[in-house]
Each structure stands twice: as structure tokens, then as C-alpha cells.
PDB file of N, CA and C in Angstrom:
ATOM      1  N   MET A   1     -59.381  -3.868  30.191  1.00  0.00           N
ATOM      2  CA  MET A   1     -59.860  -2.861  29.263  1.00  0.00           C
ATOM      3  C   MET A   1     -61.234  -2.386  29.739  1.00  0.00           C
ATOM      4  N   LYS A   2     -61.463  -1.121  29.569  1.00  0.00           N
ATOM      5  CA  LYS A   2     -62.747  -0.527  29.898  1.00  0.00           C
ATOM      6  C   LYS A   2     -63.430  -0.109  28.596  1.00  0.00           C
ATOM      7  N   ILE A   3     -64.732  -0.385  28.486  1.00  0.00           N
ATOM      8  CA  ILE A   3     -65.514  -0.014  27.310  1.00  0.00           C
ATOM      9  C   ILE A   3     -66.636   0.913  27.752  1.00  0.00           C
ATOM     10  N   ASP A   4     -66.644   2.123  27.213  1.00  0.00           N
ATOM     11  CA  ASP A   4     -67.760   3.042  27.419  1.00  0.00           C
ATOM     12  C   ASP A   4     -68.543   3.090  26.118  1.00  0.00           C
ATOM     13  N   LYS A   5     -69.843   2.867  26.219  1.00  0.00           N
ATOM     14  CA  LYS A   5     -70.685   2.790  25.023  1.00  0.00           C
ATOM     15  C   LYS A   5     -71.747   3.877  25.054  1.00  0.00           C
ATOM     16  N   SER A   6     -71.992   4.454  23.883  1.00  0.00           N
ATOM     17  CA  SER A   6     -73.131   5.356  23.731  1.00  0.00           C
ATOM     18  C   SER A   6     -73.854   4.987  22.444  1.00  0.00           C
ATOM     19  N   VAL A   7     -75.184   5.082  22.494  1.00  0.00           N
ATOM     20  CA  VAL A   7     -76.015   4.757  21.343  1.00  0.00           C
ATOM     21  C   VAL A   7     -76.998   5.901  21.143  1.00  0.00           C
ATOM     22  N   GLU A   8     -77.055   6.404  19.892  1.00  0.00           N
ATOM     23  CA  GLU A   8     -77.980   7.490  19.581  1.00  0.00           C
ATOM     24  C   GLU A   8     -78.394   7.404  18.120  1.00  0.00           C
ATOM     25  N   ASN A   9     -79.668   7.240  17.881  1.00  0.00           N
ATOM     26  CA  ASN A   9     -80.226   7.212  16.520  1.00  0.00           C
ATOM     27  C   ASN A   9     -79.492   6.253  15.585  1.00  0.00           C
ATOM     28  N   GLY A  10     -79.240   5.047  16.036  1.00  0.00           N
ATOM     29  CA  GLY A  10     -78.581   4.056  15.194  1.00  0.00           C
ATOM     30  C   GLY A  10     -77.084   4.207  15.094  1.00  0.00           C
ATOM     31  N   LYS A  11     -76.513   5.187  15.792  1.00  0.00           N
ATOM     32  CA  LYS A  11     -75.061   5.389  15.806  1.00  0.00           C
ATOM     33  C   LYS A  11     -74.515   4.874  17.129  1.00  0.00           C
ATOM     34  N   VAL A  12     -73.631   3.896  17.039  1.00  0.00           N
ATOM     35  CA  VAL A  12     -73.035   3.300  18.226  1.00  0.00           C
ATOM     36  C   VAL A  12     -71.589   3.763  18.321  1.00  0.00           C
ATOM     37  N   CYS A  13     -71.192   4.218  19.505  1.00  0.00           N
ATOM     38  CA  CYS A  13     -69.814   4.652  19.740  1.00  0.00           C
ATOM     39  C   CYS A  13     -69.259   3.901  20.934  1.00  0.00           C
ATOM     40  N   TYR A  14     -68.104   3.286  20.731  1.00  0.00           N
ATOM     41  CA  TYR A  14     -67.389   2.619  21.809  1.00  0.00           C
ATOM     42  C   TYR A  14     -66.098   3.390  22.062  1.00  0.00           C
ATOM     43  N   ALA A  15     -65.883   3.785  23.302  1.00  0.00           N
ATOM     44  CA  ALA A  15     -64.612   4.390  23.712  1.00  0.00           C
ATOM     45  C   ALA A  15     -63.866   3.330  24.509  1.00  0.00           C
ATOM     46  N   LEU A  16     -62.703   2.936  24.013  1.00  0.00           N
ATOM     47  CA  LEU A  16     -61.924   1.881  24.644  1.00  0.00           C
ATOM     48  C   LEU A  16     -60.782   2.477  25.445  1.00  0.00           C
ATOM     49  N   GLU A  17     -60.530   1.886  26.616  1.00  0.00           N
ATOM     50  CA  GLU A  17     -59.447   2.360  27.475  1.00  0.00           C
ATOM     51  C   GLU A  17     -58.642   1.157  27.944  1.00  0.00           C
ATOM     52  N   GLY A  18     -57.330   1.238  27.802  1.00  0.00           N
ATOM     53  CA  GLY A  18     -56.457   0.155  28.258  1.00  0.00           C
ATOM     54  C   GLY A  18     -55.844  -0.606  27.101  1.00  0.00           C
ATOM     55  N   ARG A  19     -55.891  -1.936  27.207  1.00  0.00           N
ATOM     56  CA  ARG A  19     -55.256  -2.820  26.221  1.00  0.00           C
ATOM     57  C   ARG A  19     -56.305  -3.695  25.543  1.00  0.00           C
ATOM     58  N   LEU A  20     -56.237  -3.754  24.224  1.00  0.00           N
ATOM     59  CA  LEU A  20     -57.092  -4.651  23.448  1.00  0.00           C
ATOM     60  C   LEU A  20     -56.201  -5.801  22.994  1.00  0.00           C
ATOM     61  N   ASP A  21     -56.260  -6.895  23.746  1.00  0.00           N
ATOM     62  CA  ASP A  21     -55.361  -8.015  23.503  1.00  0.00           C
ATOM     63  C   ASP A  21     -56.110  -9.338  23.612  1.00  0.00           C
ATOM     64  N   THR A  22     -55.381 -10.435  23.704  1.00  0.00           N
ATOM     65  CA  THR A  22     -55.987 -11.763  23.749  1.00  0.00           C
ATOM     66  C   THR A  22     -56.971 -11.911  24.902  1.00  0.00           C
ATOM     67  N   THR A  23     -56.679 -11.278  26.003  1.00  0.00           N
ATOM     68  CA  THR A  23     -57.531 -11.379  27.186  1.00  0.00           C
ATOM     69  C   THR A  23     -58.813 -10.566  27.042  1.00  0.00           C
ATOM     70  N   THR A  24     -58.721  -9.383  26.453  1.00  0.00           N
ATOM     71  CA  THR A  24     -59.863  -8.461  26.413  1.00  0.00           C
ATOM     72  C   THR A  24     -60.632  -8.468  25.096  1.00  0.00           C
ATOM     73  N   ALA A  25     -60.043  -8.980  24.027  1.00  0.00           N
ATOM     74  CA  ALA A  25     -60.704  -8.982  22.716  1.00  0.00           C
ATOM     75  C   ALA A  25     -62.055  -9.703  22.743  1.00  0.00           C
ATOM     76  N   PRO A  26     -62.186 -10.844  23.436  1.00  0.00           N
ATOM     77  CA  PRO A  26     -63.500 -11.502  23.470  1.00  0.00           C
ATOM     78  C   PRO A  26     -64.594 -10.630  24.106  1.00  0.00           C
ATOM     79  N   GLU A  27     -64.228  -9.807  25.064  1.00  0.00           N
ATOM     80  CA  GLU A  27     -65.190  -8.896  25.694  1.00  0.00           C
ATOM     81  C   GLU A  27     -65.725  -7.889  24.673  1.00  0.00           C
ATOM     82  N   LEU A  28     -64.822  -7.301  23.882  1.00  0.00           N
ATOM     83  CA  LEU A  28     -65.241  -6.350  22.852  1.00  0.00           C
ATOM     84  C   LEU A  28     -66.051  -7.066  21.776  1.00  0.00           C
ATOM     85  N   GLU A  29     -65.611  -8.242  21.380  1.00  0.00           N
ATOM     86  CA  GLU A  29     -66.310  -8.998  20.342  1.00  0.00           C
ATOM     87  C   GLU A  29     -67.753  -9.284  20.763  1.00  0.00           C
ATOM     88  N   GLN A  30     -67.950  -9.694  22.008  1.00  0.00           N
ATOM     89  CA  GLN A  30     -69.289  -9.997  22.510  1.00  0.00           C
ATOM     90  C   GLN A  30     -70.155  -8.739  22.545  1.00  0.00           C
ATOM     91  N   ALA A  31     -69.592  -7.631  23.005  1.00  0.00           N
ATOM     92  CA  ALA A  31     -70.343  -6.376  23.067  1.00  0.00           C
ATOM     93  C   ALA A  31     -70.752  -5.920  21.670  1.00  0.00           C
ATOM     94  N   LEU A  32     -69.843  -6.034  20.712  1.00  0.00           N
ATOM     95  CA  LEU A  32     -70.145  -5.619  19.340  1.00  0.00           C
ATOM     96  C   LEU A  32     -71.241  -6.475  18.723  1.00  0.00           C
ATOM     97  N   LYS A  33     -71.225  -7.776  18.995  1.00  0.00           N
ATOM     98  CA  LYS A  33     -72.259  -8.657  18.449  1.00  0.00           C
ATOM     99  C   LYS A  33     -73.647  -8.203  18.889  1.00  0.00           C
ATOM    100  N   VAL A  34     -73.749  -7.752  20.116  1.00  0.00           N
ATOM    101  CA  VAL A  34     -75.030  -7.304  20.654  1.00  0.00           C
ATOM    102  C   VAL A  34     -75.482  -6.016  19.974  1.00  0.00           C
ATOM    103  N   ASP A  35     -74.558  -5.093  19.768  1.00  0.00           N
ATOM    104  CA  ASP A  35     -74.932  -3.749  19.305  1.00  0.00           C
ATOM    105  C   ASP A  35     -74.910  -3.548  17.796  1.00  0.00           C
ATOM    106  N   MET A  36     -74.172  -4.354  17.051  1.00  0.00           N
ATOM    107  CA  MET A  36     -74.048  -4.105  15.613  1.00  0.00           C
ATOM    108  C   MET A  36     -75.330  -4.406  14.838  1.00  0.00           C
ATOM    109  N   ASP A  37     -76.157  -5.299  15.330  1.00  0.00           N
ATOM    110  CA  ASP A  37     -77.379  -5.645  14.610  1.00  0.00           C
ATOM    111  C   ASP A  37     -78.265  -4.433  14.366  1.00  0.00           C
ATOM    112  N   GLY A  38     -78.434  -3.591  15.374  1.00  0.00           N
ATOM    113  CA  GLY A  38     -79.302  -2.427  15.232  1.00  0.00           C
ATOM    114  C   GLY A  38     -78.581  -1.157  14.857  1.00  0.00           C
ATOM    115  N   ALA A  39     -77.289  -1.255  14.590  1.00  0.00           N
ATOM    116  CA  ALA A  39     -76.488  -0.059  14.318  1.00  0.00           C
ATOM    117  C   ALA A  39     -76.417   0.260  12.831  1.00  0.00           C
ATOM    118  N   ASP A  40     -76.500   1.543  12.520  1.00  0.00           N
ATOM    119  CA  ASP A  40     -76.268   2.026  11.154  1.00  0.00           C
ATOM    120  C   ASP A  40     -74.820   2.459  10.983  1.00  0.00           C
ATOM    121  N   GLU A  41     -74.228   2.968  12.051  1.00  0.00           N
ATOM    122  CA  GLU A  41     -72.833   3.413  12.042  1.00  0.00           C
ATOM    123  C   GLU A  41     -72.169   2.974  13.333  1.00  0.00           C
ATOM    124  N   LEU A  42     -70.875   2.653  13.236  1.00  0.00           N
ATOM    125  CA  LEU A  42     -70.099   2.264  14.400  1.00  0.00           C
ATOM    126  C   LEU A  42     -68.837   3.113  14.452  1.00  0.00           C
ATOM    127  N   THR A  43     -68.594   3.723  15.602  1.00  0.00           N
ATOM    128  CA  THR A  43     -67.374   4.493  15.823  1.00  0.00           C
ATOM    129  C   THR A  43     -66.631   3.887  17.002  1.00  0.00           C
ATOM    130  N   LEU A  44     -65.341   3.669  16.815  1.00  0.00           N
ATOM    131  CA  LEU A  44     -64.487   3.192  17.893  1.00  0.00           C
ATOM    132  C   LEU A  44     -63.511   4.305  18.240  1.00  0.00           C
ATOM    133  N   ASP A  45     -63.610   4.834  19.442  1.00  0.00           N
ATOM    134  CA  ASP A  45     -62.744   5.918  19.910  1.00  0.00           C
ATOM    135  C   ASP A  45     -61.565   5.299  20.653  1.00  0.00           C
ATOM    136  N   PHE A  46     -60.370   5.464  20.097  1.00  0.00           N
ATOM    137  CA  PHE A  46     -59.162   4.859  20.659  1.00  0.00           C
ATOM    138  C   PHE A  46     -58.312   5.874  21.415  1.00  0.00           C
ATOM    139  N   SER A  47     -58.874   6.998  21.837  1.00  0.00           N
ATOM    140  CA  SER A  47     -58.073   8.035  22.490  1.00  0.00           C
ATOM    141  C   SER A  47     -57.405   7.537  23.771  1.00  0.00           C
ATOM    142  N   LYS A  48     -57.977   6.530  24.424  1.00  0.00           N
ATOM    143  CA  LYS A  48     -57.395   6.003  25.655  1.00  0.00           C
ATOM    144  C   LYS A  48     -56.942   4.554  25.513  1.00  0.00           C
ATOM    145  N   LEU A  49     -56.841   4.079  24.271  1.00  0.00           N
ATOM    146  CA  LEU A  49     -56.365   2.718  24.032  1.00  0.00           C
ATOM    147  C   LEU A  49     -54.844   2.741  23.972  1.00  0.00           C
ATOM    148  N   ASP A  50     -54.207   1.942  24.831  1.00  0.00           N
ATOM    149  CA  ASP A  50     -52.743   1.942  24.932  1.00  0.00           C
ATOM    150  C   ASP A  50     -52.071   0.944  24.004  1.00  0.00           C
ATOM    151  N   TYR A  51     -52.782  -0.137  23.674  1.00  0.00           N
ATOM    152  CA  TYR A  51     -52.136  -1.244  22.968  1.00  0.00           C
ATOM    153  C   TYR A  51     -53.197  -2.057  22.235  1.00  0.00           C
ATOM    154  N   ILE A  52     -52.818  -2.615  21.081  1.00  0.00           N
ATOM    155  CA  ILE A  52     -53.696  -3.530  20.355  1.00  0.00           C
ATOM    156  C   ILE A  52     -52.855  -4.692  19.838  1.00  0.00           C
ATOM    157  N   SER A  53     -53.364  -5.913  20.033  1.00  0.00           N
ATOM    158  CA  SER A  53     -52.671  -7.111  19.571  1.00  0.00           C
ATOM    159  C   SER A  53     -53.378  -7.676  18.339  1.00  0.00           C
ATOM    160  N   SER A  54     -52.867  -8.796  17.847  1.00  0.00           N
ATOM    161  CA  SER A  54     -53.491  -9.437  16.687  1.00  0.00           C
ATOM    162  C   SER A  54     -54.913  -9.897  17.008  1.00  0.00           C
ATOM    163  N   ALA A  55     -55.167 -10.255  18.258  1.00  0.00           N
ATOM    164  CA  ALA A  55     -56.535 -10.649  18.644  1.00  0.00           C
ATOM    165  C   ALA A  55     -57.480  -9.452  18.526  1.00  0.00           C
ATOM    166  N   GLY A  56     -57.010  -8.278  18.896  1.00  0.00           N
ATOM    167  CA  GLY A  56     -57.803  -7.057  18.749  1.00  0.00           C
ATOM    168  C   GLY A  56     -58.015  -6.706  17.288  1.00  0.00           C
ATOM    169  N   LEU A  57     -56.993  -6.893  16.480  1.00  0.00           N
ATOM    170  CA  LEU A  57     -57.107  -6.625  15.044  1.00  0.00           C
ATOM    171  C   LEU A  57     -58.157  -7.539  14.407  1.00  0.00           C
ATOM    172  N   ARG A  58     -58.205  -8.795  14.839  1.00  0.00           N
ATOM    173  CA  ARG A  58     -59.183  -9.736  14.310  1.00  0.00           C
ATOM    174  C   ARG A  58     -60.610  -9.256  14.608  1.00  0.00           C
ATOM    175  N   VAL A  59     -60.836  -8.748  15.812  1.00  0.00           N
ATOM    176  CA  VAL A  59     -62.160  -8.241  16.185  1.00  0.00           C
ATOM    177  C   VAL A  59     -62.511  -7.026  15.326  1.00  0.00           C
ATOM    178  N   LEU A  60     -61.532  -6.144  15.104  1.00  0.00           N
ATOM    179  CA  LEU A  60     -61.772  -4.957  14.268  1.00  0.00           C
ATOM    180  C   LEU A  60     -62.118  -5.353  12.838  1.00  0.00           C
ATOM    181  N   LEU A  61     -61.409  -6.325  12.304  1.00  0.00           N
ATOM    182  CA  LEU A  61     -61.665  -6.759  10.928  1.00  0.00           C
ATOM    183  C   LEU A  61     -63.068  -7.351  10.795  1.00  0.00           C
ATOM    184  N   ALA A  62     -63.474  -8.166  11.755  1.00  0.00           N
ATOM    185  CA  ALA A  62     -64.819  -8.753  11.726  1.00  0.00           C
ATOM    186  C   ALA A  62     -65.885  -7.661  11.815  1.00  0.00           C
ATOM    187  N   ALA A  63     -65.673  -6.680  12.676  1.00  0.00           N
ATOM    188  CA  ALA A  63     -66.636  -5.578  12.812  1.00  0.00           C
ATOM    189  C   ALA A  63     -66.685  -4.751  11.531  1.00  0.00           C
ATOM    190  N   HIS A  64     -65.522  -4.510  10.940  1.00  0.00           N
ATOM    191  CA  HIS A  64     -65.447  -3.747   9.693  1.00  0.00           C
ATOM    192  C   HIS A  64     -66.242  -4.450   8.587  1.00  0.00           C
ATOM    193  N   LYS A  65     -66.081  -5.745   8.484  1.00  0.00           N
ATOM    194  CA  LYS A  65     -66.815  -6.513   7.472  1.00  0.00           C
ATOM    195  C   LYS A  65     -68.318  -6.476   7.739  1.00  0.00           C
ATOM    196  N   ALA A  66     -68.707  -6.643   8.986  1.00  0.00           N
ATOM    197  CA  ALA A  66     -70.126  -6.644   9.338  1.00  0.00           C
ATOM    198  C   ALA A  66     -70.773  -5.289   9.085  1.00  0.00           C
ATOM    199  N   MET A  67     -70.054  -4.227   9.357  1.00  0.00           N
ATOM    200  CA  MET A  67     -70.613  -2.885   9.190  1.00  0.00           C
ATOM    201  C   MET A  67     -70.484  -2.386   7.754  1.00  0.00           C
ATOM    202  N   GLY A  68     -69.727  -3.064   6.930  1.00  0.00           N
ATOM    203  CA  GLY A  68     -69.547  -2.647   5.543  1.00  0.00           C
ATOM    204  C   GLY A  68     -70.839  -2.606   4.762  1.00  0.00           C
ATOM    205  N   ALA A  69     -71.752  -3.498   5.085  1.00  0.00           N
ATOM    206  CA  ALA A  69     -73.037  -3.548   4.396  1.00  0.00           C
ATOM    207  C   ALA A  69     -74.001  -2.496   4.929  1.00  0.00           C
ATOM    208  N   LYS A  70     -73.624  -1.848   6.001  1.00  0.00           N
ATOM    209  CA  LYS A  70     -74.475  -0.825   6.628  1.00  0.00           C
ATOM    210  C   LYS A  70     -73.829   0.540   6.403  1.00  0.00           C
ATOM    211  N   GLY A  71     -73.859   1.380   7.401  1.00  0.00           N
ATOM    212  CA  GLY A  71     -73.300   2.729   7.293  1.00  0.00           C
ATOM    213  C   GLY A  71     -71.801   2.804   7.441  1.00  0.00           C
ATOM    214  N   GLY A  72     -71.178   1.714   7.854  1.00  0.00           N
ATOM    215  CA  GLY A  72     -69.737   1.686   7.955  1.00  0.00           C
ATOM    216  C   GLY A  72     -69.232   1.836   9.377  1.00  0.00           C
ATOM    217  N   MET A  73     -67.907   1.737   9.487  1.00  0.00           N
ATOM    218  CA  MET A  73     -67.233   1.805  10.775  1.00  0.00           C
ATOM    219  C   MET A  73     -66.051   2.755  10.642  1.00  0.00           C
ATOM    220  N   LYS A  74     -65.812   3.540  11.683  1.00  0.00           N
ATOM    221  CA  LYS A  74     -64.630   4.391  11.690  1.00  0.00           C
ATOM    222  C   LYS A  74     -63.936   4.284  13.032  1.00  0.00           C
ATOM    223  N   VAL A  75     -62.629   4.493  12.997  1.00  0.00           N
ATOM    224  CA  VAL A  75     -61.797   4.470  14.184  1.00  0.00           C
ATOM    225  C   VAL A  75     -61.238   5.874  14.359  1.00  0.00           C
ATOM    226  N   THR A  76     -61.409   6.436  15.552  1.00  0.00           N
ATOM    227  CA  THR A  76     -60.979   7.812  15.787  1.00  0.00           C
ATOM    228  C   THR A  76     -59.941   7.884  16.905  1.00  0.00           C
ATOM    229  N   ASN A  77     -59.212   8.991  16.921  1.00  0.00           N
ATOM    230  CA  ASN A  77     -58.266   9.327  17.992  1.00  0.00           C
ATOM    231  C   ASN A  77     -57.228   8.234  18.236  1.00  0.00           C
ATOM    232  N   VAL A  78     -56.611   7.763  17.173  1.00  0.00           N
ATOM    233  CA  VAL A  78     -55.618   6.692  17.267  1.00  0.00           C
ATOM    234  C   VAL A  78     -54.275   7.284  17.675  1.00  0.00           C
ATOM    235  N   ASN A  79     -53.672   6.719  18.726  1.00  0.00           N
ATOM    236  CA  ASN A  79     -52.363   7.211  19.156  1.00  0.00           C
ATOM    237  C   ASN A  79     -51.255   6.666  18.253  1.00  0.00           C
ATOM    238  N   GLU A  80     -50.060   7.139  18.474  1.00  0.00           N
ATOM    239  CA  GLU A  80     -48.928   6.811  17.602  1.00  0.00           C
ATOM    240  C   GLU A  80     -48.596   5.319  17.624  1.00  0.00           C
ATOM    241  N   MET A  81     -48.662   4.688  18.796  1.00  0.00           N
ATOM    242  CA  MET A  81     -48.320   3.267  18.910  1.00  0.00           C
ATOM    243  C   MET A  81     -49.322   2.395  18.159  1.00  0.00           C
ATOM    244  N   VAL A  82     -50.593   2.669  18.339  1.00  0.00           N
ATOM    245  CA  VAL A  82     -51.626   1.890  17.649  1.00  0.00           C
ATOM    246  C   VAL A  82     -51.577   2.183  16.149  1.00  0.00           C
ATOM    247  N   ARG A  83     -51.336   3.414  15.778  1.00  0.00           N
ATOM    248  CA  ARG A  83     -51.216   3.787  14.360  1.00  0.00           C
ATOM    249  C   ARG A  83     -50.094   2.999  13.700  1.00  0.00           C
ATOM    250  N   GLU A  84     -48.988   2.827  14.410  1.00  0.00           N
ATOM    251  CA  GLU A  84     -47.864   2.067  13.857  1.00  0.00           C
ATOM    252  C   GLU A  84     -48.261   0.611  13.606  1.00  0.00           C
ATOM    253  N   VAL A  85     -49.032   0.017  14.528  1.00  0.00           N
ATOM    254  CA  VAL A  85     -49.518  -1.351  14.330  1.00  0.00           C
ATOM    255  C   VAL A  85     -50.415  -1.400  13.099  1.00  0.00           C
ATOM    256  N   PHE A  86     -51.299  -0.425  12.943  1.00  0.00           N
ATOM    257  CA  PHE A  86     -52.166  -0.369  11.763  1.00  0.00           C
ATOM    258  C   PHE A  86     -51.344  -0.235  10.481  1.00  0.00           C
ATOM    259  N   ASP A  87     -50.306   0.584  10.504  1.00  0.00           N
ATOM    260  CA  ASP A  87     -49.469   0.782   9.316  1.00  0.00           C
ATOM    261  C   ASP A  87     -48.716  -0.496   8.944  1.00  0.00           C
ATOM    262  N   VAL A  88     -48.109  -1.138   9.919  1.00  0.00           N
ATOM    263  CA  VAL A  88     -47.302  -2.334   9.670  1.00  0.00           C
ATOM    264  C   VAL A  88     -48.153  -3.501   9.181  1.00  0.00           C
ATOM    265  N   THR A  89     -49.361  -3.627   9.721  1.00  0.00           N
ATOM    266  CA  THR A  89     -50.225  -4.755   9.363  1.00  0.00           C
ATOM    267  C   THR A  89     -51.081  -4.508   8.127  1.00  0.00           C
ATOM    268  N   GLY A  90     -51.095  -3.267   7.630  1.00  0.00           N
ATOM    269  CA  GLY A  90     -51.928  -2.941   6.467  1.00  0.00           C
ATOM    270  C   GLY A  90     -53.342  -2.522   6.840  1.00  0.00           C
ATOM    271  N   PHE A  91     -53.659  -2.515   8.119  1.00  0.00           N
ATOM    272  CA  PHE A  91     -55.000  -2.118   8.553  1.00  0.00           C
ATOM    273  C   PHE A  91     -55.256  -0.642   8.272  1.00  0.00           C
ATOM    274  N   ALA A  92     -54.214   0.159   8.164  1.00  0.00           N
ATOM    275  CA  ALA A  92     -54.378   1.566   7.843  1.00  0.00           C
ATOM    276  C   ALA A  92     -55.009   1.746   6.462  1.00  0.00           C
ATOM    277  N   ASP A  93     -54.805   0.761   5.596  1.00  0.00           N
ATOM    278  CA  ASP A  93     -55.378   0.819   4.243  1.00  0.00           C
ATOM    279  C   ASP A  93     -56.800   0.256   4.199  1.00  0.00           C
ATOM    280  N   ILE A  94     -57.171  -0.504   5.219  1.00  0.00           N
ATOM    281  CA  ILE A  94     -58.480  -1.161   5.243  1.00  0.00           C
ATOM    282  C   ILE A  94     -59.501  -0.343   6.019  1.00  0.00           C
ATOM    283  N   LEU A  95     -59.104   0.140   7.191  1.00  0.00           N
ATOM    284  CA  LEU A  95     -60.021   0.830   8.082  1.00  0.00           C
ATOM    285  C   LEU A  95     -60.168   2.294   7.745  1.00  0.00           C
ATOM    286  N   ASN A  96     -61.310   2.856   8.102  1.00  0.00           N
ATOM    287  CA  ASN A  96     -61.541   4.296   7.997  1.00  0.00           C
ATOM    288  C   ASN A  96     -61.056   4.907   9.304  1.00  0.00           C
ATOM    289  N   ILE A  97     -59.864   5.524   9.275  1.00  0.00           N
ATOM    290  CA  ILE A  97     -59.242   6.068  10.479  1.00  0.00           C
ATOM    291  C   ILE A  97     -59.280   7.594  10.398  1.00  0.00           C
ATOM    292  N   GLU A  98     -59.859   8.201  11.417  1.00  0.00           N
ATOM    293  CA  GLU A  98     -59.950   9.664  11.462  1.00  0.00           C
ATOM    294  C   GLU A  98     -59.144  10.190  12.622  1.00  0.00           C
TER     295      GLU A  98
END
């Protein structure tokens, strides 16, 4: 998985490319821990994310909870396959998906 990050005025944006699974989820989790402390808003751009597993969902849920006390978190550009995973698992009702 490739992570492109941009930070501007307390707004952190991660663009993910590839697969967010058991192998790559710890990489995203570590990166988020570093950046969420100073962030007011978090955006995850999934336009190039091909797949998400339960390990990836766990990282998203932890980030969502951490950012809930701040400006919040949103997920953008979700493809049909990832959207289906969100729908089946109930994450579509939890996350702010644009």
C-alpha cells in the first residue's frame, strides 16, 4: 500500500493506494498515530484503494473514535468494492463517507 499525506492548517489528508489489509494496516495505524495529535480534521481519500480487510476496518474505527472529539474524520472517493464492505459491516452507518 502507498500512503500520500498532505497537511495544511490542521487538516490532514491521506490518499491510500493498493490494499489495506493485515499486512499494511499497521503502517497506516502508525502514520495516523503520529499525525492525529495535531490534526483538527482527517480525510482519507480512497480513490485508489482496491481492497480493505477487517484489519483495515479496525484502524478506521480507531481513527474515527480518536477524531470524534476533534473536527472529525471523513472518507472520500470510495469505490464500489470498498463501499460494499462498508455496507455489509455497518461501517457505512458509522463513518462520514463522501
